[in-house]
């Protein structure tokens, strides 16, 4: 969760990019948890 928050804070100039990063990180975290 910390990684997702940091990504959003570090790159505030591109909202769409932030959404993509959050989505990708969330998927990665879920995949790690499942595996």
C-alpha atoms as a PDB file:
ATOM      1  CA  UNK A   1       0.000   0.000   0.000  1.00  0.00           C
ATOM      2  CA  UNK A   2       2.876   2.365   0.779  1.00  0.00           C
ATOM      3  CA  UNK A   3       4.313   1.878  -2.716  1.00  0.00           C
ATOM      4  CA  UNK A   4       1.016   2.858  -4.318  1.00  0.00           C
ATOM      5  CA  UNK A   5       0.779   6.024  -2.224  1.00  0.00           C
ATOM      6  CA  UNK A   6       4.364   7.019  -2.952  1.00  0.00           C
ATOM      7  CA  UNK A   7       3.815   6.614  -6.704  1.00  0.00           C
ATOM      8  CA  UNK A   8       0.833   8.959  -6.581  1.00  0.00           C
ATOM      9  CA  UNK A   9       2.720  11.574  -4.560  1.00  0.00           C
ATOM     10  CA  UNK A  10       5.930  11.438  -6.583  1.00  0.00           C
ATOM     11  CA  UNK A  11       4.232  12.010  -9.952  1.00  0.00           C
ATOM     12  CA  UNK A  12       1.336  14.457  -9.455  1.00  0.00           C
ATOM     13  CA  UNK A  13       1.780  16.057 -12.901  1.00  0.00           C
ATOM     14  CA  UNK A  14       0.140  13.181 -14.776  1.00  0.00           C
ATOM     15  CA  UNK A  15      -3.153  12.039 -13.281  1.00  0.00           C
ATOM     16  CA  UNK A  16      -3.783   9.317 -15.860  1.00  0.00           C
ATOM     17  CA  UNK A  17      -0.258   7.965 -15.386  1.00  0.00           C
ATOM     18  CA  UNK A  18      -0.890   7.802 -11.632  1.00  0.00           C
ATOM     19  CA  UNK A  19      -4.068   5.817 -12.186  1.00  0.00           C
ATOM     20  CA  UNK A  20      -2.194   3.380 -14.423  1.00  0.00           C
ATOM     21  CA  UNK A  21       0.599   2.995 -11.842  1.00  0.00           C
ATOM     22  CA  UNK A  22      -1.869   2.396  -9.038  1.00  0.00           C
ATOM     23  CA  UNK A  23      -3.752  -0.160 -11.121  1.00  0.00           C
ATOM     24  CA  UNK A  24      -0.581  -2.019 -12.109  1.00  0.00           C
ATOM     25  CA  UNK A  25       0.813  -2.011  -8.562  1.00  0.00           C
ATOM     26  CA  UNK A  26      -2.518  -3.189  -7.171  1.00  0.00           C
ATOM     27  CA  UNK A  27      -2.566  -6.051  -9.660  1.00  0.00           C
ATOM     28  CA  UNK A  28       1.034  -6.955  -8.812  1.00  0.00           C
ATOM     29  CA  UNK A  29       0.310  -6.915  -5.073  1.00  0.00           C
ATOM     30  CA  UNK A  30      -2.799  -9.079  -5.517  1.00  0.00           C
ATOM     31  CA  UNK A  31      -0.885 -11.499  -7.724  1.00  0.00           C
ATOM     32  CA  UNK A  32       1.882 -11.768  -5.107  1.00  0.00           C
ATOM     33  CA  UNK A  33      -0.660 -12.376  -2.360  1.00  0.00           C
ATOM     34  CA  UNK A  34      -2.438 -15.067  -4.399  1.00  0.00           C
ATOM     35  CA  UNK A  35       0.838 -16.791  -5.243  1.00  0.00           C
END
